[in-house]
Amino acid sequence: MSKLAKKAARRQKLRWGIRKSINGVAERPRLSVFRSNKEIYAQLIDDATGETLAAANSRQKDLQAQTGTKSDIAALVGKTIAQKAKDLGIETCVFDRGGYLYHGRVKSLADGAREGGLKF
């Protein structure tokens, strides 16, 4: 097994462990984070119905025009998802870091969401 395959398998096991303990409902959806090498994505998911309530990512037109580090852009994605949640009347959520360590871009996104008014 290659080093990349081991890393992906480890993250997948962490992800499943996290998903066992947290669950999103309509009043308190799950804020799921996906991080690629270049971009970062966030979704508010209602696990009871299996639908995405809101989504934001660094590839959106208004965020692509922004300059700064990847952590700065992740914070903007967090603020964007928080604003979309407020528009839907959602104030609290459950944070799902998706198997990633809680530092760097993942932490910046969470801090940006908190600044935007989401509680978790």
PDB file of N, CA and C in Angstrom:
ATOM      1  N   MET A   1       0.842  -1.172   0.000  1.00  0.00           N
ATOM      2  CA  MET A   1       0.000   0.000   0.000  1.00  0.00           C
ATOM      3  C   MET A   1       0.888   1.236   0.000  1.00  0.00           C
ATOM      4  N   SER A   2       0.597   2.161  -0.883  1.00  0.00           N
ATOM      5  CA  SER A   2       1.419   3.360  -0.987  1.00  0.00           C
ATOM      6  C   SER A   2       1.155   4.300   0.191  1.00  0.00           C
ATOM      7  N   LYS A   3       1.991   5.282   0.330  1.00  0.00           N
ATOM      8  CA  LYS A   3       1.872   6.236   1.423  1.00  0.00           C
ATOM      9  C   LYS A   3       0.568   7.029   1.309  1.00  0.00           C
ATOM     10  N   LEU A   4       0.203   7.417   0.084  1.00  0.00           N
ATOM     11  CA  LEU A   4      -1.037   8.164  -0.117  1.00  0.00           C
ATOM     12  C   LEU A   4      -2.258   7.325   0.211  1.00  0.00           C
ATOM     13  N   ALA A   5      -2.235   6.067  -0.152  1.00  0.00           N
ATOM     14  CA  ALA A   5      -3.367   5.186   0.140  1.00  0.00           C
ATOM     15  C   ALA A   5      -3.523   4.990   1.648  1.00  0.00           C
ATOM     16  N   LYS A   6      -2.410   4.865   2.363  1.00  0.00           N
ATOM     17  CA  LYS A   6      -2.465   4.721   3.811  1.00  0.00           C
ATOM     18  C   LYS A   6      -3.044   5.979   4.459  1.00  0.00           C
ATOM     19  N   LYS A   7      -2.626   7.120   3.948  1.00  0.00           N
ATOM     20  CA  LYS A   7      -3.095   8.386   4.487  1.00  0.00           C
ATOM     21  C   LYS A   7      -4.600   8.550   4.264  1.00  0.00           C
ATOM     22  N   ALA A   8      -5.058   8.189   3.064  1.00  0.00           N
ATOM     23  CA  ALA A   8      -6.483   8.288   2.737  1.00  0.00           C
ATOM     24  C   ALA A   8      -7.295   7.303   3.572  1.00  0.00           C
ATOM     25  N   ALA A   9      -6.774   6.098   3.779  1.00  0.00           N
ATOM     26  CA  ALA A   9      -7.481   5.102   4.578  1.00  0.00           C
ATOM     27  C   ALA A   9      -7.578   5.551   6.036  1.00  0.00           C
ATOM     28  N   ARG A  10      -6.517   6.153   6.542  1.00  0.00           N
ATOM     29  CA  ARG A  10      -6.521   6.659   7.919  1.00  0.00           C
ATOM     30  C   ARG A  10      -7.558   7.754   8.081  1.00  0.00           C
ATOM     31  N   ARG A  11      -7.610   8.678   7.127  1.00  0.00           N
ATOM     32  CA  ARG A  11      -8.578   9.769   7.192  1.00  0.00           C
ATOM     33  C   ARG A  11     -10.002   9.230   7.113  1.00  0.00           C
ATOM     34  N   GLN A  12     -10.217   8.225   6.281  1.00  0.00           N
ATOM     35  CA  GLN A  12     -11.547   7.644   6.135  1.00  0.00           C
ATOM     36  C   GLN A  12     -12.005   6.993   7.448  1.00  0.00           C
ATOM     37  N   LYS A  13     -11.094   6.298   8.128  1.00  0.00           N
ATOM     38  CA  LYS A  13     -11.447   5.690   9.408  1.00  0.00           C
ATOM     39  C   LYS A  13     -11.770   6.757  10.452  1.00  0.00           C
ATOM     40  N   LEU A  14     -11.003   7.843  10.463  1.00  0.00           N
ATOM     41  CA  LEU A  14     -11.284   8.948  11.372  1.00  0.00           C
ATOM     42  C   LEU A  14     -12.642   9.556  11.067  1.00  0.00           C
ATOM     43  N   ARG A  15     -12.928   9.706   9.778  1.00  0.00           N
ATOM     44  CA  ARG A  15     -14.190  10.299   9.335  1.00  0.00           C
ATOM     45  C   ARG A  15     -15.380   9.466   9.806  1.00  0.00           C
ATOM     46  N   TRP A  16     -15.275   8.146   9.667  1.00  0.00           N
ATOM     47  CA  TRP A  16     -16.360   7.264  10.094  1.00  0.00           C
ATOM     48  C   TRP A  16     -16.544   7.332  11.611  1.00  0.00           C
ATOM     49  N   GLY A  17     -15.463   7.427  12.341  1.00  0.00           N
ATOM     50  CA  GLY A  17     -15.553   7.535  13.794  1.00  0.00           C
ATOM     51  C   GLY A  17     -16.240   8.811  14.228  1.00  0.00           C
ATOM     52  N   ILE A  18     -15.930   9.906  13.546  1.00  0.00           N
ATOM     53  CA  ILE A  18     -16.560  11.182  13.857  1.00  0.00           C
ATOM     54  C   ILE A  18     -18.044  11.125  13.520  1.00  0.00           C
ATOM     55  N   ARG A  19     -18.388  10.534  12.370  1.00  0.00           N
ATOM     56  CA  ARG A  19     -19.781  10.469  11.925  1.00  0.00           C
ATOM     57  C   ARG A  19     -20.640   9.582  12.821  1.00  0.00           C
ATOM     58  N   LYS A  20     -20.026   8.630  13.536  1.00  0.00           N
ATOM     59  CA  LYS A  20     -20.784   7.804  14.472  1.00  0.00           C
ATOM     60  C   LYS A  20     -21.319   8.641  15.621  1.00  0.00           C
ATOM     61  N   SER A  21     -20.538   9.623  16.040  1.00  0.00           N
ATOM     62  CA  SER A  21     -20.894  10.382  17.234  1.00  0.00           C
ATOM     63  C   SER A  21     -21.689  11.651  16.950  1.00  0.00           C
ATOM     64  N   ILE A  22     -21.671  12.164  15.725  1.00  0.00           N
ATOM     65  CA  ILE A  22     -22.421  13.391  15.452  1.00  0.00           C
ATOM     66  C   ILE A  22     -23.469  13.134  14.381  1.00  0.00           C
ATOM     67  N   ASN A  23     -24.558  13.897  14.474  1.00  0.00           N
ATOM     68  CA  ASN A  23     -25.660  13.750  13.538  1.00  0.00           C
ATOM     69  C   ASN A  23     -26.343  15.102  13.406  1.00  0.00           C
ATOM     70  N   GLY A  24     -26.639  15.510  12.192  1.00  0.00           N
ATOM     71  CA  GLY A  24     -27.270  16.792  11.969  1.00  0.00           C
ATOM     72  C   GLY A  24     -28.755  16.637  11.706  1.00  0.00           C
ATOM     73  N   VAL A  25     -29.544  17.529  12.284  1.00  0.00           N
ATOM     74  CA  VAL A  25     -30.980  17.576  12.026  1.00  0.00           C
ATOM     75  C   VAL A  25     -31.311  18.961  11.499  1.00  0.00           C
ATOM     76  N   ALA A  26     -32.560  19.184  11.107  1.00  0.00           N
ATOM     77  CA  ALA A  26     -32.942  20.448  10.467  1.00  0.00           C
ATOM     78  C   ALA A  26     -32.668  21.654  11.371  1.00  0.00           C
ATOM     79  N   GLU A  27     -32.938  21.523  12.687  1.00  0.00           N
ATOM     80  CA  GLU A  27     -32.726  22.660  13.591  1.00  0.00           C
ATOM     81  C   GLU A  27     -31.247  22.871  13.891  1.00  0.00           C
ATOM     82  N   ARG A  28     -30.471  21.793  13.855  1.00  0.00           N
ATOM     83  CA  ARG A  28     -29.040  21.856  14.159  1.00  0.00           C
ATOM     84  C   ARG A  28     -28.294  20.983  13.153  1.00  0.00           C
ATOM     85  N   PRO A  29     -28.075  21.496  11.936  1.00  0.00           N
ATOM     86  CA  PRO A  29     -27.448  20.682  10.889  1.00  0.00           C
ATOM     87  C   PRO A  29     -25.951  20.469  11.131  1.00  0.00           C
ATOM     88  N   ARG A  30     -25.403  19.570  10.361  1.00  0.00           N
ATOM     89  CA  ARG A  30     -23.974  19.246  10.437  1.00  0.00           C
ATOM     90  C   ARG A  30     -23.223  20.138   9.459  1.00  0.00           C
ATOM     91  N   LEU A  31     -22.195  20.827   9.950  1.00  0.00           N
ATOM     92  CA  LEU A  31     -21.333  21.652   9.106  1.00  0.00           C
ATOM     93  C   LEU A  31     -20.155  20.785   8.681  1.00  0.00           C
ATOM     94  N   SER A  32     -20.214  20.268   7.472  1.00  0.00           N
ATOM     95  CA  SER A  32     -19.208  19.349   6.964  1.00  0.00           C
ATOM     96  C   SER A  32     -18.153  20.118   6.173  1.00  0.00           C
ATOM     97  N   VAL A  33     -16.888  19.754   6.379  1.00  0.00           N
ATOM     98  CA  VAL A  33     -15.773  20.435   5.726  1.00  0.00           C
ATOM     99  C   VAL A  33     -15.029  19.445   4.837  1.00  0.00           C
ATOM    100  N   PHE A  34     -14.740  19.861   3.610  1.00  0.00           N
ATOM    101  CA  PHE A  34     -13.851  19.101   2.733  1.00  0.00           C
ATOM    102  C   PHE A  34     -12.738  20.025   2.295  1.00  0.00           C
ATOM    103  N   ARG A  35     -11.522  19.528   2.395  1.00  0.00           N
ATOM    104  CA  ARG A  35     -10.351  20.336   2.084  1.00  0.00           C
ATOM    105  C   ARG A  35      -9.545  19.615   1.014  1.00  0.00           C
ATOM    106  N   SER A  36      -9.343  20.273  -0.118  1.00  0.00           N
ATOM    107  CA  SER A  36      -8.442  19.730  -1.126  1.00  0.00           C
ATOM    108  C   SER A  36      -7.134  20.499  -1.030  1.00  0.00           C
ATOM    109  N   ASN A  37      -6.202  20.220  -1.922  1.00  0.00           N
ATOM    110  CA  ASN A  37      -4.927  20.925  -1.854  1.00  0.00           C
ATOM    111  C   ASN A  37      -5.075  22.414  -2.127  1.00  0.00           C
ATOM    112  N   LYS A  38      -6.013  22.788  -3.025  1.00  0.00           N
ATOM    113  CA  LYS A  38      -6.167  24.194  -3.392  1.00  0.00           C
ATOM    114  C   LYS A  38      -7.402  24.851  -2.793  1.00  0.00           C
ATOM    115  N   GLU A  39      -8.484  24.119  -2.701  1.00  0.00           N
ATOM    116  CA  GLU A  39      -9.778  24.700  -2.349  1.00  0.00           C
ATOM    117  C   GLU A  39     -10.271  24.164  -1.008  1.00  0.00           C
ATOM    118  N   ILE A  40     -11.343  24.796  -0.494  1.00  0.00           N
ATOM    119  CA  ILE A  40     -12.014  24.312   0.713  1.00  0.00           C
ATOM    120  C   ILE A  40     -13.513  24.473   0.511  1.00  0.00           C
ATOM    121  N   TYR A  41     -14.265  23.487   0.978  1.00  0.00           N
ATOM    122  CA  TYR A  41     -15.704  23.430   0.772  1.00  0.00           C
ATOM    123  C   TYR A  41     -16.389  23.213   2.119  1.00  0.00           C
ATOM    124  N   ALA A  42     -17.566  23.806   2.301  1.00  0.00           N
ATOM    125  CA  ALA A  42     -18.351  23.620   3.527  1.00  0.00           C
ATOM    126  C   ALA A  42     -19.812  23.439   3.145  1.00  0.00           C
ATOM    127  N   GLN A  43     -20.485  22.537   3.851  1.00  0.00           N
ATOM    128  CA  GLN A  43     -21.905  22.281   3.606  1.00  0.00           C
ATOM    129  C   GLN A  43     -22.631  22.168   4.929  1.00  0.00           C
ATOM    130  N   LEU A  44     -23.862  22.659   4.968  1.00  0.00           N
ATOM    131  CA  LEU A  44     -24.758  22.412   6.086  1.00  0.00           C
ATOM    132  C   LEU A  44     -25.688  21.295   5.655  1.00  0.00           C
ATOM    133  N   ILE A  45     -25.644  20.171   6.362  1.00  0.00           N
ATOM    134  CA  ILE A  45     -26.358  18.970   5.942  1.00  0.00           C
ATOM    135  C   ILE A  45     -27.358  18.546   7.005  1.00  0.00           C
ATOM    136  N   ASP A  46     -28.588  18.258   6.577  1.00  0.00           N
ATOM    137  CA  ASP A  46     -29.620  17.676   7.427  1.00  0.00           C
ATOM    138  C   ASP A  46     -29.559  16.168   7.207  1.00  0.00           C
ATOM    139  N   ASP A  47     -29.025  15.426   8.179  1.00  0.00           N
ATOM    140  CA  ASP A  47     -28.850  13.986   8.011  1.00  0.00           C
ATOM    141  C   ASP A  47     -30.172  13.217   8.090  1.00  0.00           C
ATOM    142  N   ALA A  48     -31.196  13.812   8.696  1.00  0.00           N
ATOM    143  CA  ALA A  48     -32.478  13.124   8.798  1.00  0.00           C
ATOM    144  C   ALA A  48     -33.102  12.939   7.411  1.00  0.00           C
ATOM    145  N   THR A  49     -33.009  13.952   6.571  1.00  0.00           N
ATOM    146  CA  THR A  49     -33.567  13.855   5.217  1.00  0.00           C
ATOM    147  C   THR A  49     -32.492  13.601   4.170  1.00  0.00           C
ATOM    148  N   GLY A  50     -31.231  13.780   4.548  1.00  0.00           N
ATOM    149  CA  GLY A  50     -30.134  13.541   3.616  1.00  0.00           C
ATOM    150  C   GLY A  50     -29.961  14.633   2.582  1.00  0.00           C
ATOM    151  N   GLU A  51     -30.324  15.853   2.931  1.00  0.00           N
ATOM    152  CA  GLU A  51     -30.189  16.941   1.960  1.00  0.00           C
ATOM    153  C   GLU A  51     -29.257  18.033   2.463  1.00  0.00           C
ATOM    154  N   THR A  52     -28.648  18.710   1.506  1.00  0.00           N
ATOM    155  CA  THR A  52     -27.769  19.834   1.803  1.00  0.00           C
ATOM    156  C   THR A  52     -28.609  21.096   1.886  1.00  0.00           C
ATOM    157  N   LEU A  53     -28.529  21.793   3.011  1.00  0.00           N
ATOM    158  CA  LEU A  53     -29.317  23.006   3.214  1.00  0.00           C
ATOM    159  C   LEU A  53     -28.620  24.232   2.632  1.00  0.00           C
ATOM    160  N   ALA A  54     -27.307  24.293   2.767  1.00  0.00           N
ATOM    161  CA  ALA A  54     -26.530  25.419   2.247  1.00  0.00           C
ATOM    162  C   ALA A  54     -25.107  24.945   1.989  1.00  0.00           C
ATOM    163  N   ALA A  55     -24.445  25.597   1.063  1.00  0.00           N
ATOM    164  CA  ALA A  55     -23.067  25.239   0.734  1.00  0.00           C
ATOM    165  C   ALA A  55     -22.285  26.492   0.367  1.00  0.00           C
ATOM    166  N   ALA A  56     -20.994  26.447   0.650  1.00  0.00           N
ATOM    167  CA  ALA A  56     -20.092  27.538   0.274  1.00  0.00           C
ATOM    168  C   ALA A  56     -18.728  26.924  -0.005  1.00  0.00           C
ATOM    169  N   ASN A  57     -17.992  27.528  -0.926  1.00  0.00           N
ATOM    170  CA  ASN A  57     -16.656  27.039  -1.222  1.00  0.00           C
ATOM    171  C   ASN A  57     -15.790  28.161  -1.747  1.00  0.00           C
ATOM    172  N   SER A  58     -14.514  27.883  -1.828  1.00  0.00           N
ATOM    173  CA  SER A  58     -13.555  28.903  -2.251  1.00  0.00           C
ATOM    174  C   SER A  58     -13.541  29.088  -3.763  1.00  0.00           C
ATOM    175  N   ARG A  59     -14.329  28.319  -4.494  1.00  0.00           N
ATOM    176  CA  ARG A  59     -14.382  28.454  -5.947  1.00  0.00           C
ATOM    177  C   ARG A  59     -15.492  29.398  -6.402  1.00  0.00           C
ATOM    178  N   GLN A  60     -16.283  29.922  -5.472  1.00  0.00           N
ATOM    179  CA  GLN A  60     -17.360  30.838  -5.835  1.00  0.00           C
ATOM    180  C   GLN A  60     -16.771  32.118  -6.405  1.00  0.00           C
ATOM    181  N   LYS A  61     -17.518  32.729  -7.313  1.00  0.00           N
ATOM    182  CA  LYS A  61     -17.019  33.917  -8.030  1.00  0.00           C
ATOM    183  C   LYS A  61     -16.590  35.036  -7.081  1.00  0.00           C
ATOM    184  N   ASP A  62     -17.416  35.324  -6.067  1.00  0.00           N
ATOM    185  CA  ASP A  62     -17.071  36.430  -5.173  1.00  0.00           C
ATOM    186  C   ASP A  62     -15.851  36.115  -4.300  1.00  0.00           C
ATOM    187  N   LEU A  63     -15.613  34.843  -4.004  1.00  0.00           N
ATOM    188  CA  LEU A  63     -14.450  34.486  -3.187  1.00  0.00           C
ATOM    189  C   LEU A  63     -13.201  34.266  -4.019  1.00  0.00           C
ATOM    190  N   GLN A  64     -13.366  33.895  -5.289  1.00  0.00           N
ATOM    191  CA  GLN A  64     -12.199  33.700  -6.153  1.00  0.00           C
ATOM    192  C   GLN A  64     -11.466  35.008  -6.392  1.00  0.00           C
ATOM    193  N   ALA A  65     -12.198  36.114  -6.349  1.00  0.00           N
ATOM    194  CA  ALA A  65     -11.583  37.411  -6.584  1.00  0.00           C
ATOM    195  C   ALA A  65     -10.737  37.863  -5.386  1.00  0.00           C
ATOM    196  N   GLN A  66     -10.943  37.252  -4.222  1.00  0.00           N
ATOM    197  CA  GLN A  66     -10.207  37.626  -3.021  1.00  0.00           C
ATOM    198  C   GLN A  66      -8.762  37.144  -3.115  1.00  0.00           C
ATOM    199  N   THR A  67      -7.884  37.903  -2.518  1.00  0.00           N
ATOM    200  CA  THR A  67      -6.491  37.493  -2.457  1.00  0.00           C
ATOM    201  C   THR A  67      -6.122  37.248  -1.003  1.00  0.00           C
ATOM    202  N   GLY A  68      -5.090  36.503  -0.790  1.00  0.00           N
ATOM    203  CA  GLY A  68      -4.633  36.196   0.562  1.00  0.00           C
ATOM    204  C   GLY A  68      -4.219  34.750   0.636  1.00  0.00           C
ATOM    205  N   THR A  69      -3.894  34.328   1.838  1.00  0.00           N
ATOM    206  CA  THR A  69      -3.488  32.945   2.028  1.00  0.00           C
ATOM    207  C   THR A  69      -4.708  32.030   1.968  1.00  0.00           C
ATOM    208  N   LYS A  70      -4.445  30.729   1.879  1.00  0.00           N
ATOM    209  CA  LYS A  70      -5.542  29.765   1.855  1.00  0.00           C
ATOM    210  C   LYS A  70      -6.321  29.801   3.167  1.00  0.00           C
ATOM    211  N   SER A  71      -5.659  30.110   4.274  1.00  0.00           N
ATOM    212  CA  SER A  71      -6.345  30.213   5.562  1.00  0.00           C
ATOM    213  C   SER A  71      -7.271  31.429   5.595  1.00  0.00           C
ATOM    214  N   ASP A  72      -6.837  32.534   5.000  1.00  0.00           N
ATOM    215  CA  ASP A  72      -7.685  33.731   4.929  1.00  0.00           C
ATOM    216  C   ASP A  72      -8.940  33.441   4.112  1.00  0.00           C
ATOM    217  N   ILE A  73      -8.780  32.742   3.010  1.00  0.00           N
ATOM    218  CA  ILE A  73      -9.918  32.423   2.149  1.00  0.00           C
ATOM    219  C   ILE A  73     -10.840  31.428   2.850  1.00  0.00           C
ATOM    220  N   ALA A  74     -10.273  30.501   3.626  1.00  0.00           N
ATOM    221  CA  ALA A  74     -11.091  29.551   4.389  1.00  0.00           C
ATOM    222  C   ALA A  74     -11.951  30.292   5.408  1.00  0.00           C
ATOM    223  N   ALA A  75     -11.406  31.339   6.030  1.00  0.00           N
ATOM    224  CA  ALA A  75     -12.185  32.143   6.971  1.00  0.00           C
ATOM    225  C   ALA A  75     -13.345  32.834   6.248  1.00  0.00           C
ATOM    226  N   LEU A  76     -13.102  33.300   5.026  1.00  0.00           N
ATOM    227  CA  LEU A  76     -14.178  33.921   4.244  1.00  0.00           C
ATOM    228  C   LEU A  76     -15.261  32.905   3.884  1.00  0.00           C
ATOM    229  N   VAL A  77     -14.855  31.682   3.589  1.00  0.00           N
ATOM    230  CA  VAL A  77     -15.831  30.621   3.308  1.00  0.00           C
ATOM    231  C   VAL A  77     -16.673  30.370   4.556  1.00  0.00           C
ATOM    232  N   GLY A  78     -16.045  30.380   5.731  1.00  0.00           N
ATOM    233  CA  GLY A  78     -16.774  30.206   6.989  1.00  0.00           C
ATOM    234  C   GLY A  78     -17.785  31.312   7.215  1.00  0.00           C
ATOM    235  N   LYS A  79     -17.398  32.554   6.931  1.00  0.00           N
ATOM    236  CA  LYS A  79     -18.331  33.671   7.083  1.00  0.00           C
ATOM    237  C   LYS A  79     -19.480  33.562   6.086  1.00  0.00           C
ATOM    238  N   THR A  80     -19.176  33.095   4.877  1.00  0.00           N
ATOM    239  CA  THR A  80     -20.207  32.942   3.851  1.00  0.00           C
ATOM    240  C   THR A  80     -21.220  31.882   4.249  1.00  0.00           C
ATOM    241  N   ILE A  81     -20.753  30.746   4.745  1.00  0.00           N
ATOM    242  CA  ILE A  81     -21.680  29.679   5.143  1.00  0.00           C
ATOM    243  C   ILE A  81     -22.506  30.126   6.348  1.00  0.00           C
ATOM    244  N   ALA A  82     -21.913  30.917   7.239  1.00  0.00           N
ATOM    245  CA  ALA A  82     -22.656  31.437   8.391  1.00  0.00           C
ATOM    246  C   ALA A  82     -23.757  32.388   7.938  1.00  0.00           C
ATOM    247  N   GLN A  83     -23.466  33.215   6.947  1.00  0.00           N
ATOM    248  CA  GLN A  83     -24.473  34.143   6.430  1.00  0.00           C
ATOM    249  C   GLN A  83     -25.621  33.377   5.770  1.00  0.00           C
ATOM    250  N   LYS A  84     -25.290  32.337   5.010  1.00  0.00           N
ATOM    251  CA  LYS A  84     -26.324  31.526   4.361  1.00  0.00           C
ATOM    252  C   LYS A  84     -27.176  30.812   5.410  1.00  0.00           C
ATOM    253  N   ALA A  85     -26.542  30.382   6.502  1.00  0.00           N
ATOM    254  CA  ALA A  85     -27.283  29.727   7.579  1.00  0.00           C
ATOM    255  C   ALA A  85     -28.230  30.708   8.255  1.00  0.00           C
ATOM    256  N   LYS A  86     -27.757  31.930   8.484  1.00  0.00           N
ATOM    257  CA  LYS A  86     -28.616  32.953   9.089  1.00  0.00           C
ATOM    258  C   LYS A  86     -29.824  33.244   8.213  1.00  0.00           C
ATOM    259  N   ASP A  87     -29.607  33.285   6.894  1.00  0.00           N
ATOM    260  CA  ASP A  87     -30.712  33.533   5.967  1.00  0.00           C
ATOM    261  C   ASP A  87     -31.756  32.422   6.045  1.00  0.00           C
ATOM    262  N   LEU A  88     -31.319  31.200   6.374  1.00  0.00           N
ATOM    263  CA  LEU A  88     -32.241  30.070   6.522  1.00  0.00           C
ATOM    264  C   LEU A  88     -32.832  29.984   7.923  1.00  0.00           C
ATOM    265  N   GLY A  89     -32.368  30.834   8.840  1.00  0.00           N
ATOM    266  CA  GLY A  89     -32.864  30.816  10.208  1.00  0.00           C
ATOM    267  C   GLY A  89     -32.150  29.807  11.091  1.00  0.00           C
ATOM    268  N   ILE A  90     -30.958  29.406  10.711  1.00  0.00           N
ATOM    269  CA  ILE A  90     -30.174  28.434  11.480  1.00  0.00           C
ATOM    270  C   ILE A  90     -29.139  29.199  12.296  1.00  0.00           C
ATOM    271  N   GLU A  91     -29.130  28.946  13.614  1.00  0.00           N
ATOM    272  CA  GLU A  91     -28.176  29.631  14.476  1.00  0.00           C
ATOM    273  C   GLU A  91     -27.104  28.706  15.034  1.00  0.00           C
ATOM    274  N   THR A  92     -27.432  27.417  15.171  1.00  0.00           N
ATOM    275  CA  THR A  92     -26.470  26.464  15.728  1.00  0.00           C
ATOM    276  C   THR A  92     -26.258  25.310  14.763  1.00  0.00           C
ATOM    277  N   CYS A  93     -25.099  24.681  14.863  1.00  0.00           N
ATOM    278  CA  CYS A  93     -24.789  23.533  14.021  1.00  0.00           C
ATOM    279  C   CYS A  93     -23.809  22.633  14.754  1.00  0.00           C
ATOM    280  N   VAL A  94     -23.553  21.473  14.162  1.00  0.00           N
ATOM    281  CA  VAL A  94     -22.573  20.523  14.682  1.00  0.00           C
ATOM    282  C   VAL A  94     -21.409  20.534  13.702  1.00  0.00           C
ATOM    283  N   PHE A  95     -20.192  20.724  14.198  1.00  0.00           N
ATOM    284  CA  PHE A  95     -19.031  20.829  13.318  1.00  0.00           C
ATOM    285  C   PHE A  95     -18.465  19.452  13.017  1.00  0.00           C
ATOM    286  N   ASP A  96     -18.326  19.143  11.729  1.00  0.00           N
ATOM    287  CA  ASP A  96     -17.754  17.879  11.265  1.00  0.00           C
ATOM    288  C   ASP A  96     -16.472  18.210  10.520  1.00  0.00           C
ATOM    289  N   ARG A  97     -15.331  17.936  11.143  1.00  0.00           N
ATOM    290  CA  ARG A  97     -14.052  18.289  10.529  1.00  0.00           C
ATOM    291  C   ARG A  97     -13.637  17.312   9.450  1.00  0.00           C
ATOM    292  N   GLY A  98     -14.391  16.242   9.245  1.00  0.00           N
ATOM    293  CA  GLY A  98     -14.171  15.340   8.127  1.00  0.00           C
ATOM    294  C   GLY A  98     -12.882  14.541   8.180  1.00  0.00           C
ATOM    295  N   GLY A  99     -12.377  14.275   9.374  1.00  0.00           N
ATOM    296  CA  GLY A  99     -11.149  13.494   9.484  1.00  0.00           C
ATOM    297  C   GLY A  99      -9.886  14.318   9.407  1.00  0.00           C
ATOM    298  N   TYR A 100     -10.018  15.607   9.169  1.00  0.00           N
ATOM    299  CA  TYR A 100      -8.841  16.482   9.126  1.00  0.00           C
ATOM    300  C   TYR A 100      -8.517  16.944  10.537  1.00  0.00           C
ATOM    301  N   LEU A 101      -7.259  17.250  10.793  1.00  0.00           N
ATOM    302  CA  LEU A 101      -6.880  17.800  12.078  1.00  0.00           C
ATOM    303  C   LEU A 101      -7.455  19.207  12.211  1.00  0.00           C
ATOM    304  N   TYR A 102      -7.820  19.571  13.441  1.00  0.00           N
ATOM    305  CA  TYR A 102      -8.426  20.879  13.676  1.00  0.00           C
ATOM    306  C   TYR A 102      -7.324  21.925  13.840  1.00  0.00           C
ATOM    307  N   HIS A 103      -6.741  22.315  12.716  1.00  0.00           N
ATOM    308  CA  HIS A 103      -5.771  23.398  12.696  1.00  0.00           C
ATOM    309  C   HIS A 103      -5.662  23.880  11.261  1.00  0.00           C
ATOM    310  N   GLY A 104      -5.014  24.991  11.065  1.00  0.00           N
ATOM    311  CA  GLY A 104      -4.830  25.513   9.711  1.00  0.00           C
ATOM    312  C   GLY A 104      -6.134  25.980   9.093  1.00  0.00           C
ATOM    313  N   ARG A 105      -6.385  25.501   7.880  1.00  0.00           N
ATOM    314  CA  ARG A 105      -7.561  25.958   7.127  1.00  0.00           C
ATOM    315  C   ARG A 105      -8.871  25.517   7.753  1.00  0.00           C
ATOM    316  N   VAL A 106      -8.886  24.319   8.352  1.00  0.00           N
ATOM    317  CA  VAL A 106     -10.117  23.836   8.981  1.00  0.00           C
ATOM    318  C   VAL A 106     -10.468  24.727  10.176  1.00  0.00           C
ATOM    319  N   LYS A 107      -9.474  25.081  10.974  1.00  0.00           N
ATOM    320  CA  LYS A 107      -9.706  25.961  12.116  1.00  0.00           C
ATOM    321  C   LYS A 107     -10.098  27.359  11.654  1.00  0.00           C
ATOM    322  N   SER A 108      -9.491  27.853  10.588  1.00  0.00           N
ATOM    323  CA  SER A 108      -9.834  29.171  10.054  1.00  0.00           C
ATOM    324  C   SER A 108     -11.280  29.203   9.590  1.00  0.00           C
ATOM    325  N   LEU A 109     -11.730  28.146   8.930  1.00  0.00           N
ATOM    326  CA  LEU A 109     -13.117  28.076   8.483  1.00  0.00           C
ATOM    327  C   LEU A 109     -14.056  28.089   9.684  1.00  0.00           C
ATOM    328  N   ALA A 110     -13.733  27.319  10.724  1.00  0.00           N
ATOM    329  CA  ALA A 110     -14.567  27.277  11.922  1.00  0.00           C
ATOM    330  C   ALA A 110     -14.609  28.644  12.611  1.00  0.00           C
ATOM    331  N   ASP A 111     -13.465  29.290  12.713  1.00  0.00           N
ATOM    332  CA  ASP A 111     -13.424  30.620  13.336  1.00  0.00           C
ATOM    333  C   ASP A 111     -14.210  31.636  12.523  1.00  0.00           C
ATOM    334  N   GLY A 112     -14.118  31.543  11.195  1.00  0.00           N
ATOM    335  CA  GLY A 112     -14.890  32.439  10.340  1.00  0.00           C
ATOM    336  C   GLY A 112     -16.384  32.217  10.491  1.00  0.00           C
ATOM    337  N   ALA A 113     -16.795  30.965  10.635  1.00  0.00           N
ATOM    338  CA  ALA A 113     -18.216  30.669  10.838  1.00  0.00           C
ATOM    339  C   ALA A 113     -18.697  31.207  12.182  1.00  0.00           C
ATOM    340  N   ARG A 114     -17.837  31.095  13.191  1.00  0.00           N
ATOM    341  CA  ARG A 114     -18.202  31.644  14.504  1.00  0.00           C
ATOM    342  C   ARG A 114     -18.323  33.170  14.448  1.00  0.00           C
ATOM    343  N   GLU A 115     -17.392  33.817  13.741  1.00  0.00           N
ATOM    344  CA  GLU A 115     -17.455  35.268  13.579  1.00  0.00           C
ATOM    345  C   GLU A 115     -18.729  35.688  12.841  1.00  0.00           C
ATOM    346  N   GLY A 116     -19.159  34.830  11.891  1.00  0.00           N
ATOM    347  CA  GLY A 116     -20.370  35.108  11.156  1.00  0.00           C
ATOM    348  C   GLY A 116     -21.644  34.895  11.943  1.00  0.00           C
ATOM    349  N   GLY A 117     -21.539  34.278  13.120  1.00  0.00           N
ATOM    350  CA  GLY A 117     -22.708  34.140  13.988  1.00  0.00           C
ATOM    351  C   GLY A 117     -23.174  32.715  14.229  1.00  0.00           C
ATOM    352  N   LEU A 118     -22.512  31.717  13.646  1.00  0.00           N
ATOM    353  CA  LEU A 118     -22.900  30.328  13.908  1.00  0.00           C
ATOM    354  C   LEU A 118     -22.356  29.882  15.261  1.00  0.00           C
ATOM    355  N   LYS A 119     -23.124  29.072  15.969  1.00  0.00           N
ATOM    356  CA  LYS A 119     -22.677  28.532  17.251  1.00  0.00           C
ATOM    357  C   LYS A 119     -22.533  27.032  17.127  1.00  0.00           C
ATOM    358  N   PHE A 120     -21.388  26.518  17.561  1.00  0.00           N
ATOM    359  CA  PHE A 120     -21.167  25.072  17.628  1.00  0.00           C
ATOM    360  C   PHE A 120     -20.116  24.746  18.650  1.00  0.00           C
TER     361      PHE A 120
END
